[in-house]
Amino acid sequence: MGKQKREQKRRRREAERRLFGSEPTIELDEALDYVFGGKGQEEITDELILELVEKGIPEEDLRAFKDRGFAYCRERGSFVGSPEFMGGEL
């Protein structure tokens, strides 16, 4: 890691401490990557659908998520899709 990158990281950590009052439990970049960058997401496949049906999620819902191009995040146990505004897709 270069000197400039280390300095940016140090300044970000200081800003996070001021903002949150303590050291964050994970890096802000890592959190943003999970939320917006798709980290940990996987395509909804027929195999995954069978697995999730066994956990109690209705197959009809899972098929609808798959058809709409949603992804699944095992770590969070959540589905991620494109946002919709006023009935239309972006």
Protein backbone atom coordinates (compact mmCIF):
# COMPACT_ATOMS: atom_id res chain seq x y z
CA MET A 1 0.00 0.00 0.00
CA GLY A 2 1.41 3.34 -1.04
CA LYS A 3 2.03 6.25 1.29
CA GLN A 4 -0.87 8.28 -0.17
CA LYS A 5 -3.29 5.36 0.22
CA ARG A 6 -2.22 4.84 3.86
CA GLU A 7 -2.76 8.54 4.57
CA GLN A 8 -6.25 8.43 3.02
CA LYS A 9 -7.10 5.39 5.13
CA ARG A 10 -5.80 7.10 8.29
CA ARG A 11 -7.87 10.22 7.60
CA ARG A 12 -10.98 8.14 6.90
CA ARG A 13 -10.50 6.26 10.18
CA GLU A 14 -10.22 9.56 12.06
CA ALA A 15 -13.42 10.82 10.42
CA GLU A 16 -15.20 7.56 11.29
CA ARG A 17 -14.10 7.85 14.94
CA ARG A 18 -15.44 11.41 15.11
CA LEU A 19 -18.68 10.40 13.39
CA PHE A 20 -19.36 7.18 15.30
CA GLY A 21 -17.58 7.96 18.54
CA SER A 22 -15.48 4.80 18.38
CA GLU A 23 -13.58 2.56 16.02
CA PRO A 24 -15.98 0.98 13.50
CA THR A 25 -16.22 -2.80 13.53
CA ILE A 26 -15.63 -3.08 9.78
CA GLU A 27 -14.05 -0.83 7.21
CA LEU A 28 -16.45 1.63 5.66
CA ASP A 29 -15.25 0.59 2.20
CA GLU A 30 -16.03 -3.04 3.01
CA ALA A 31 -19.51 -2.16 4.21
CA LEU A 32 -20.21 -0.09 1.11
CA ASP A 33 -18.96 -2.93 -1.07
CA TYR A 34 -21.45 -5.31 0.57
CA VAL A 35 -24.34 -2.88 0.21
CA PHE A 36 -23.65 -1.37 -3.21
CA GLY A 37 -20.90 -3.41 -4.81
CA GLY A 38 -22.47 -6.83 -4.87
CA LYS A 39 -19.96 -8.50 -2.58
CA GLY A 40 -21.31 -11.80 -1.30
CA GLN A 41 -24.17 -11.91 -3.76
CA GLU A 42 -24.87 -14.93 -5.91
CA GLU A 43 -27.15 -15.69 -8.80
CA ILE A 44 -30.42 -17.37 -7.90
CA THR A 45 -30.16 -20.83 -9.44
CA ASP A 46 -32.52 -23.81 -9.36
CA GLU A 47 -30.21 -25.43 -6.80
CA LEU A 48 -30.34 -22.36 -4.56
CA ILE A 49 -34.12 -22.25 -4.91
CA LEU A 50 -34.37 -25.86 -3.66
CA GLU A 51 -32.10 -25.00 -0.74
CA LEU A 52 -34.14 -21.93 0.23
CA VAL A 53 -37.48 -23.75 -0.15
CA GLU A 54 -36.21 -26.22 2.47
CA LYS A 55 -35.67 -23.20 4.74
CA GLY A 56 -39.29 -22.15 4.31
CA ILE A 57 -39.21 -19.54 1.56
CA PRO A 58 -42.08 -20.03 -0.91
CA GLU A 59 -40.86 -21.36 -4.27
CA GLU A 60 -43.19 -19.02 -6.16
CA ASP A 61 -41.49 -16.00 -4.56
CA LEU A 62 -38.03 -17.36 -5.31
CA ARG A 63 -38.93 -17.99 -8.97
CA ALA A 64 -40.25 -14.42 -9.22
CA PHE A 65 -36.98 -13.08 -7.75
CA LYS A 66 -34.99 -15.19 -10.22
CA ASP A 67 -37.10 -14.01 -13.19
CA ARG A 68 -36.57 -10.36 -12.20
CA GLY A 69 -32.80 -10.81 -11.98
CA PHE A 70 -32.42 -10.58 -8.20
CA ALA A 71 -29.33 -11.89 -6.45
CA TYR A 72 -29.11 -13.58 -3.03
CA CYS A 73 -26.67 -12.78 -0.24
CA ARG A 74 -26.13 -15.73 2.12
CA GLU A 75 -24.34 -13.66 4.73
CA ARG A 76 -27.28 -11.28 5.16
CA GLY A 77 -29.99 -13.74 4.11
CA SER A 78 -31.38 -11.10 1.77
CA PHE A 79 -32.36 -10.60 -1.84
CA VAL A 80 -31.02 -7.73 -3.90
CA GLY A 81 -32.61 -6.35 -7.04
CA SER A 82 -32.73 -3.21 -9.12
CA PRO A 83 -34.55 -0.32 -7.48
CA GLU A 84 -37.91 0.68 -8.89
CA PHE A 85 -39.31 4.18 -8.94
CA MET A 86 -42.90 5.04 -9.68
CA GLY A 87 -43.58 1.60 -11.16
CA GLY A 88 -40.72 1.56 -13.64
CA GLU A 89 -37.29 0.00 -13.56
CA LEU A 90 -34.06 1.92 -13.96
